[in-house]
Amino acid sequence: MKRKFTEIDEEFTCENCGKYVPVLGYSCRNHCPYCLHSKHVDINPGDRLETCNGDLEPIKVELDSKKGYIIIFRCKKCGAIRRNKSADDDNMDLIIKLTANEI
């Protein structure tokens, strides 16, 4: 089955740090730019079909020569691993810190 991508760029309040997160404007907002946490709500990007709803904690960042920084998340509730490209307004200090982490 081919993965599907549903484009959703919406504002939200981060459940981890409590900050207001505006729409990204050029792609889909997937995580908080301040603390980099996300919420485990998608099976396929944007489908909102995942029932876990756990906190996706950033655990590592990898550098992809074509896509840039890729944030690796682990769900605190179910342990699932997810990956997502960083956004232009992400906290670069946290991204740099996470580049040294190992899973």
Protein backbone atom coordinates (compact mmCIF):
# COMPACT_ATOMS: atom_id res chain seq x y z
CA MET A 1 0.00 0.00 0.00
CA LYS A 2 1.39 3.38 -1.00
CA ARG A 3 1.74 5.98 1.75
CA LYS A 4 -0.60 8.91 1.51
CA PHE A 5 0.09 12.47 2.55
CA THR A 6 -2.73 14.79 3.64
CA GLU A 7 -1.59 18.40 3.81
CA ILE A 8 -2.70 19.98 7.08
CA ASP A 9 -1.05 23.19 8.26
CA GLU A 10 -2.83 24.25 11.40
CA GLU A 11 -2.08 26.28 14.51
CA PHE A 12 -2.07 24.62 17.93
CA THR A 13 -0.96 24.99 21.52
CA CYS A 14 1.92 22.65 22.32
CA GLU A 15 0.91 20.10 24.95
CA ASN A 16 4.54 19.80 26.10
CA CYS A 17 5.66 23.43 26.58
CA GLY A 18 2.30 25.25 26.39
CA LYS A 19 3.37 27.74 23.71
CA TYR A 20 1.13 28.86 20.87
CA VAL A 21 2.37 27.49 17.52
CA PRO A 22 1.23 29.35 14.37
CA VAL A 23 0.74 27.74 10.94
CA LEU A 24 3.99 27.11 9.07
CA GLY A 25 2.78 28.72 5.84
CA TYR A 26 4.89 26.83 3.29
CA SER A 27 4.27 23.19 4.28
CA CYS A 28 2.57 21.20 7.03
CA ARG A 29 3.30 21.99 10.65
CA ASN A 30 4.16 18.71 12.40
CA HIS A 31 5.79 19.69 15.69
CA CYS A 32 6.42 22.57 18.07
CA PRO A 33 9.27 24.83 16.87
CA TYR A 34 10.16 25.75 20.47
CA CYS A 35 10.57 22.34 22.16
CA LEU A 36 10.34 20.13 19.01
CA HIS A 37 7.72 17.81 20.57
CA SER A 38 4.89 16.46 18.45
CA LYS A 39 1.71 14.48 19.06
CA HIS A 40 1.18 10.90 17.87
CA VAL A 41 -2.00 11.47 15.86
CA ASP A 42 -1.19 10.22 12.34
CA ILE A 43 -0.76 6.77 10.82
CA ASN A 44 0.10 8.39 7.48
CA PRO A 45 1.06 12.09 7.46
CA GLY A 46 -1.98 14.26 8.06
CA ASP A 47 -4.61 11.50 8.26
CA ARG A 48 -5.31 11.96 12.03
CA LEU A 49 -6.20 8.22 12.27
CA GLU A 50 -3.76 7.21 15.03
CA THR A 51 -5.58 6.55 18.32
CA CYS A 52 -2.48 6.64 20.56
CA ASN A 53 -2.34 10.46 20.97
CA GLY A 54 0.89 10.16 22.97
CA ASP A 55 3.70 12.71 23.21
CA LEU A 56 6.27 12.28 20.44
CA GLU A 57 9.51 13.30 22.12
CA PRO A 58 12.46 14.35 19.93
CA ILE A 59 15.31 11.93 20.63
CA LYS A 60 17.76 12.49 17.79
CA VAL A 61 18.38 14.54 14.66
CA GLU A 62 19.98 13.22 11.48
CA LEU A 63 21.29 15.28 8.59
CA ASP A 64 19.98 14.27 5.16
CA SER A 65 21.91 15.74 2.22
CA LYS A 66 18.68 16.46 0.31
CA LYS A 67 16.06 17.12 3.02
CA GLY A 68 18.19 18.81 5.69
CA TYR A 69 17.66 18.02 9.36
CA ILE A 70 15.38 15.07 10.10
CA ILE A 71 13.99 14.89 13.64
CA ILE A 72 13.54 11.40 15.08
CA PHE A 73 10.72 11.09 17.63
CA ARG A 74 9.79 8.33 20.09
CA CYS A 75 6.26 8.13 21.45
CA LYS A 76 6.28 8.23 25.24
CA LYS A 77 3.03 6.23 25.33
CA CYS A 78 3.50 3.39 22.80
CA GLY A 79 7.20 3.59 21.87
CA ALA A 80 6.63 4.15 18.14
CA ILE A 81 9.44 5.85 16.23
CA ARG A 82 8.55 8.61 13.75
CA ARG A 83 10.64 10.90 11.54
CA ASN A 84 9.92 14.39 10.24
CA LYS A 85 11.82 17.10 8.45
CA SER A 86 12.69 20.15 10.52
CA ALA A 87 11.03 23.48 9.81
CA ASP A 88 12.76 26.80 9.11
CA ASP A 89 11.65 28.27 12.44
CA ASP A 90 12.69 25.31 14.64
CA ASN A 91 14.86 25.90 17.70
CA MET A 92 18.32 25.42 16.17
CA ASP A 93 20.00 25.08 19.58
CA LEU A 94 17.86 22.00 20.30
CA ILE A 95 18.46 20.59 16.81
CA ILE A 96 22.23 20.89 17.28
CA LYS A 97 22.01 19.30 20.74
CA LEU A 98 19.98 16.38 19.34
CA THR A 99 22.50 15.68 16.55
CA ALA A 100 24.77 14.12 19.19
CA ASN A 101 22.09 11.80 20.65
CA GLU A 102 21.87 8.08 19.96
CA ILE A 103 18.62 6.13 20.04
